[in-house]
Amino acid sequence: MKALIMRLFDCNISFGRPMIKPLRYSETARDLLKEMDYYGIDEAIVYHARQKDDSPDVGNRILLEEIRGFDRLHGTLAILPPQTGEITIENLIESLRSENVCAFRAFPSEHRYLMSRVSLKPLYGLMVERNIPLFISADESCCGISRWRLIEMILSEAPDLTLIVTDHGCWGEDRFFRPLIEKYEHLYLDISGYHMDGGISDFCRKYGADRLLFGTGYPHLNPGGTILMLMHADITSREREMIASGNLERILRRIKA
């Protein structure tokens, strides 16, 4: 399927066998690269299903082992409150320096912790000081209200944090996130679920394209849908390229090792 001129850098893609298996998934990093090649995706920021469905410590070690040697795959480390000693600041810093890792990812519901400054102050400090992005999903089983309140709380307690929100729903959650976009300059959204008719083009007209990131949501969503949506959005070629890869590359260049 590699027929695209623009470079695609996926910010929201995973591999490994999920606890609840989708119709199609990639069990290994090598399998994921084959899937990316099929859709014409050049690079990706990835996480492993075990980071979400298992212990973050176990999942992080599996992820690092799997992506080692694959320059196109950039890992995200699942975080926990450091008070329990399961994951330490020192180990996170060491992995950022020595492994192909560029961001952190939070699964607070699955791992049962509070995304508050009381719990995560040392981590928030590290992420802000070094411009390390934090990924969190806005996916909700019923409605998005509680998750967006959580995201607002995170930003109110760490307003300089680079926060990338993934998986917001296709029913139009602009009323949740547009006020936050206006207030917090380091908040970004992936477009994997932004399937509103005219949503991307209207967002770009009002806020510009620099706050949107290309993400597919694979394996829970089909990458082809997001690629088609981006290709046919009523935006300029420059805006399309920014969303496809430029914005994410800019975020990664700000990271201080």
Protein backbone atom coordinates (compact mmCIF):
# COMPACT_ATOMS: atom_id res chain seq x y z
CA MET A 1 0.00 0.00 0.00
CA LYS A 2 3.09 2.28 0.00
CA ALA A 3 1.94 4.96 -2.42
CA LEU A 4 1.94 8.01 -0.16
CA ILE A 5 4.27 10.93 -0.79
CA MET A 6 4.17 12.26 2.74
CA ARG A 7 6.04 10.74 5.64
CA LEU A 8 3.83 9.07 8.26
CA PHE A 9 4.97 8.96 11.90
CA ASP A 10 2.40 7.10 14.01
CA CYS A 11 2.11 8.27 17.61
CA ASN A 12 -0.46 5.70 18.75
CA ILE A 13 0.20 2.10 17.83
CA SER A 14 0.83 -1.06 19.83
CA PHE A 15 1.81 -4.69 19.44
CA GLY A 16 1.72 -7.84 21.52
CA ARG A 17 -1.26 -10.05 22.28
CA PRO A 18 -3.93 -7.97 24.08
CA MET A 19 -6.01 -9.45 26.87
CA ILE A 20 -9.10 -8.87 24.72
CA LYS A 21 -7.92 -9.76 21.24
CA PRO A 22 -9.04 -7.58 18.30
CA LEU A 23 -9.68 -9.15 14.91
CA ARG A 24 -6.11 -8.48 13.83
CA TYR A 25 -2.99 -7.63 15.80
CA SER A 26 0.80 -7.89 15.60
CA GLU A 27 2.31 -10.23 18.18
CA THR A 28 5.92 -9.08 17.77
CA ALA A 29 7.78 -5.92 16.80
CA ARG A 30 8.81 -7.57 13.55
CA ASP A 31 5.15 -8.35 12.79
CA LEU A 32 4.28 -4.72 13.52
CA LEU A 33 6.87 -3.48 11.05
CA LYS A 34 5.31 -5.64 8.35
CA GLU A 35 1.93 -4.11 9.14
CA MET A 36 3.41 -0.62 9.02
CA ASP A 37 5.03 -1.37 5.66
CA TYR A 38 1.66 -2.45 4.26
CA TYR A 39 0.09 0.88 5.21
CA GLY A 40 3.11 3.02 4.35
CA ILE A 41 3.86 4.08 7.92
CA ASP A 42 7.50 5.11 8.22
CA GLU A 43 8.04 5.31 11.99
CA ALA A 44 6.01 4.85 15.14
CA ILE A 45 5.95 5.53 18.85
CA VAL A 46 4.84 2.21 20.29
CA TYR A 47 3.78 0.41 23.42
CA HIS A 48 3.35 -3.29 24.18
CA ALA A 49 0.02 -4.81 25.22
CA ARG A 50 1.66 -6.23 28.35
CA GLN A 51 2.43 -2.70 29.55
CA LYS A 52 -1.32 -2.16 29.84
CA ASP A 53 -2.62 -5.64 30.66
CA ASP A 54 0.23 -6.78 32.94
CA SER A 55 2.60 -5.16 35.41
CA PRO A 56 4.16 -2.00 33.92
CA ASP A 57 7.57 -3.19 35.07
CA VAL A 58 7.14 -6.51 33.23
CA GLY A 59 5.64 -4.82 30.18
CA ASN A 60 8.41 -2.22 29.99
CA ARG A 61 11.09 -4.91 29.96
CA ILE A 62 9.26 -6.84 27.23
CA LEU A 63 8.87 -3.69 25.13
CA LEU A 64 12.55 -2.75 25.39
CA GLU A 65 13.66 -6.24 24.42
CA GLU A 66 11.26 -6.40 21.48
CA ILE A 67 12.11 -3.05 19.87
CA ARG A 68 15.88 -3.29 20.37
CA GLY A 69 17.57 -2.99 16.99
CA PHE A 70 14.51 -1.58 15.21
CA ASP A 71 15.25 2.10 14.61
CA ARG A 72 11.77 2.79 13.22
CA LEU A 73 10.13 1.90 16.54
CA HIS A 74 10.38 4.28 19.49
CA GLY A 75 9.22 3.02 22.86
CA THR A 76 7.09 4.54 25.60
CA LEU A 77 7.59 3.48 29.21
CA ALA A 78 4.53 2.82 31.36
CA ILE A 79 4.73 4.77 34.62
CA LEU A 80 3.59 4.19 38.20
CA PRO A 81 3.76 6.30 41.35
CA PRO A 82 7.39 5.95 42.50
CA GLN A 83 6.36 5.50 46.14
CA THR A 84 5.84 1.74 45.72
CA GLY A 85 9.36 1.18 44.38
CA GLU A 86 8.14 -0.87 41.40
CA ILE A 87 9.42 1.73 38.95
CA THR A 88 12.12 4.21 39.94
CA ILE A 89 13.03 7.60 38.51
CA GLU A 90 16.62 6.39 38.12
CA ASN A 91 15.60 3.40 35.98
CA LEU A 92 13.36 5.55 33.80
CA ILE A 93 16.18 8.02 33.19
CA GLU A 94 18.60 5.18 32.42
CA SER A 95 16.20 3.71 29.85
CA LEU A 96 15.68 7.12 28.24
CA ARG A 97 19.43 7.50 27.84
CA SER A 98 20.38 4.02 26.72
CA GLU A 99 17.31 2.60 24.97
CA ASN A 100 15.18 3.65 22.00
CA VAL A 101 12.66 5.34 24.30
CA CYS A 102 11.18 8.81 23.87
CA ALA A 103 8.09 9.14 26.09
CA PHE A 104 6.06 7.88 29.03
CA ARG A 105 2.56 6.41 28.98
CA ALA A 106 -0.02 6.28 31.77
CA PHE A 107 -2.68 3.61 32.34
CA PRO A 108 -4.11 4.84 35.67
CA SER A 109 -7.39 2.89 35.53
CA GLU A 110 -5.75 -0.42 34.64
CA HIS A 111 -2.94 -0.02 37.19
CA ARG A 112 -5.05 1.56 39.93
CA TYR A 113 -3.34 4.81 40.83
CA LEU A 114 -4.19 8.50 40.95
CA MET A 115 -2.91 10.87 38.30
CA SER A 116 -2.35 13.57 40.90
CA ARG A 117 0.60 15.71 41.90
CA VAL A 118 0.57 13.99 45.29
CA SER A 119 1.24 10.66 43.58
CA LEU A 120 3.38 11.74 40.64
CA LYS A 121 5.15 14.98 41.61
CA PRO A 122 8.69 13.60 40.97
CA LEU A 123 7.63 12.25 37.59
CA TYR A 124 5.83 15.44 36.61
CA GLY A 125 8.96 17.37 37.55
CA LEU A 126 11.14 15.08 35.42
CA MET A 127 8.82 15.28 32.41
CA VAL A 128 8.53 19.07 32.53
CA GLU A 129 12.25 19.63 33.11
CA ARG A 130 13.27 17.39 30.20
CA ASN A 131 10.25 17.96 27.90
CA ILE A 132 9.39 14.26 27.97
CA PRO A 133 5.92 13.68 26.49
CA LEU A 134 3.27 11.79 28.43
CA PHE A 135 0.67 9.75 26.55
CA ILE A 136 -2.76 9.02 28.01
CA SER A 137 -5.88 7.58 26.40
CA ALA A 138 -9.22 9.40 26.45
CA ASP A 139 -11.08 6.19 25.61
CA GLU A 140 -14.08 5.51 27.83
CA SER A 141 -16.45 2.53 27.84
CA CYS A 142 -19.49 4.81 28.22
CA CYS A 143 -18.84 8.53 27.83
CA GLY A 144 -15.76 10.72 27.93
CA ILE A 145 -16.69 12.99 30.82
CA SER A 146 -14.66 11.40 33.63
CA ARG A 147 -11.56 10.87 31.49
CA TRP A 148 -11.56 14.48 30.26
CA ARG A 149 -11.92 15.68 33.85
CA LEU A 150 -8.84 13.60 34.64
CA ILE A 151 -6.97 15.19 31.75
CA GLU A 152 -7.99 18.65 32.94
CA MET A 153 -6.75 17.80 36.43
CA ILE A 154 -3.38 16.62 35.08
CA LEU A 155 -2.92 19.85 33.13
CA SER A 156 -4.06 22.08 35.97
CA GLU A 157 -1.45 20.48 38.26
CA ALA A 158 1.30 20.37 35.62
CA PRO A 159 0.46 23.07 33.04
CA ASP A 160 3.88 22.89 31.36
CA LEU A 161 3.63 19.14 30.80
CA THR A 162 3.67 17.91 27.19
CA LEU A 163 0.53 15.78 27.22
CA ILE A 164 -0.58 13.74 24.20
CA VAL A 165 -4.16 12.50 24.41
CA THR A 166 -5.05 9.51 22.26
CA ASP A 167 -8.21 7.62 21.36
CA HIS A 168 -10.81 10.32 21.84
CA GLY A 169 -14.09 9.18 20.34
CA CYS A 170 -15.60 9.61 16.92
CA TRP A 171 -18.82 11.23 18.21
CA GLY A 172 -17.23 14.62 18.55
CA GLU A 173 -15.50 15.47 21.83
CA ASP A 174 -14.51 18.99 20.78
CA ARG A 175 -16.58 20.49 23.60
CA PHE A 176 -14.32 18.63 26.02
CA PHE A 177 -10.94 19.32 24.46
CA ARG A 178 -11.18 22.69 22.70
CA PRO A 179 -11.28 24.70 25.96
CA LEU A 180 -8.22 22.76 27.11
CA ILE A 181 -6.43 23.37 23.80
CA GLU A 182 -6.97 27.10 24.25
CA LYS A 183 -5.60 27.10 27.81
CA TYR A 184 -2.69 24.63 27.69
CA GLU A 185 -0.13 25.17 24.94
CA HIS A 186 1.55 21.76 25.31
CA LEU A 187 -1.61 19.68 24.90
CA TYR A 188 -1.77 17.58 21.72
CA LEU A 189 -4.39 15.24 20.24
CA ASP A 190 -3.93 12.21 18.06
CA ILE A 191 -6.40 11.85 15.20
CA SER A 192 -6.96 8.08 15.32
CA GLY A 193 -10.57 8.49 16.45
CA TYR A 194 -11.26 12.00 15.15
CA HIS A 195 -13.69 10.81 12.49
CA MET A 196 -16.05 13.76 12.59
CA ASP A 197 -17.02 15.09 9.17
CA GLY A 198 -14.95 18.24 8.76
CA GLY A 199 -13.48 17.92 12.25
CA ILE A 200 -9.81 18.14 11.30
CA SER A 201 -10.31 20.98 8.83
CA ASP A 202 -12.39 23.03 11.25
CA PHE A 203 -9.86 22.48 14.04
CA CYS A 204 -7.03 23.60 11.75
CA ARG A 205 -8.92 26.73 10.69
CA LYS A 206 -9.43 27.78 14.31
CA TYR A 207 -6.26 26.58 16.05
CA GLY A 208 -3.82 25.70 13.30
CA ALA A 209 -2.49 22.22 12.54
CA ASP A 210 0.35 22.10 15.05
CA ARG A 211 -1.65 20.50 17.89
CA LEU A 212 -2.79 17.41 15.94
CA LEU A 213 -0.71 14.23 15.56
CA PHE A 214 -1.13 11.32 13.19
CA GLY A 215 -2.02 8.16 15.07
CA THR A 216 -3.80 5.03 13.91
CA GLY A 217 -4.89 3.34 17.13
CA TYR A 218 -3.78 0.00 15.66
CA PRO A 219 -4.71 -2.78 16.38
CA HIS A 220 -8.00 -1.57 17.82
CA LEU A 221 -8.63 0.59 14.75
CA ASN A 222 -7.72 0.02 11.12
CA PRO A 223 -4.86 2.33 10.04
CA GLY A 224 -6.38 2.73 6.60
CA GLY A 225 -9.28 4.75 7.99
CA THR A 226 -7.06 7.36 9.62
CA ILE A 227 -4.78 7.60 6.59
CA LEU A 228 -7.77 8.09 4.27
CA MET A 229 -9.23 10.73 6.60
CA LEU A 230 -5.96 12.67 6.69
CA MET A 231 -5.43 12.42 2.93
CA HIS A 232 -8.89 13.81 2.17
CA ALA A 233 -9.19 16.44 4.91
CA ASP A 234 -9.86 19.93 3.56
CA ILE A 235 -6.52 21.34 4.71
CA THR A 236 -3.35 22.53 2.98
CA SER A 237 -0.50 20.22 2.01
CA ARG A 238 1.66 21.92 4.61
CA GLU A 239 -0.91 21.25 7.33
CA ARG A 240 -1.21 17.63 6.20
CA GLU A 241 2.54 17.14 6.46
CA MET A 242 2.62 18.75 9.91
CA ILE A 243 -0.02 16.33 11.18
CA ALA A 244 1.50 13.33 9.39
CA SER A 245 4.94 13.67 10.98
CA GLY A 246 6.21 17.23 11.43
CA ASN A 247 4.48 18.01 14.71
CA LEU A 248 5.61 14.81 16.39
CA GLU A 249 9.18 15.25 15.19
CA ARG A 250 9.17 18.78 16.65
CA ILE A 251 7.98 17.43 20.02
CA LEU A 252 10.72 14.79 20.05
CA ARG A 253 13.43 17.32 19.21
CA ARG A 254 12.58 19.23 22.42
CA ILE A 255 13.42 16.24 24.65
CA LYS A 256 16.49 16.69 26.84
CA ALA A 257 18.30 13.41 27.43
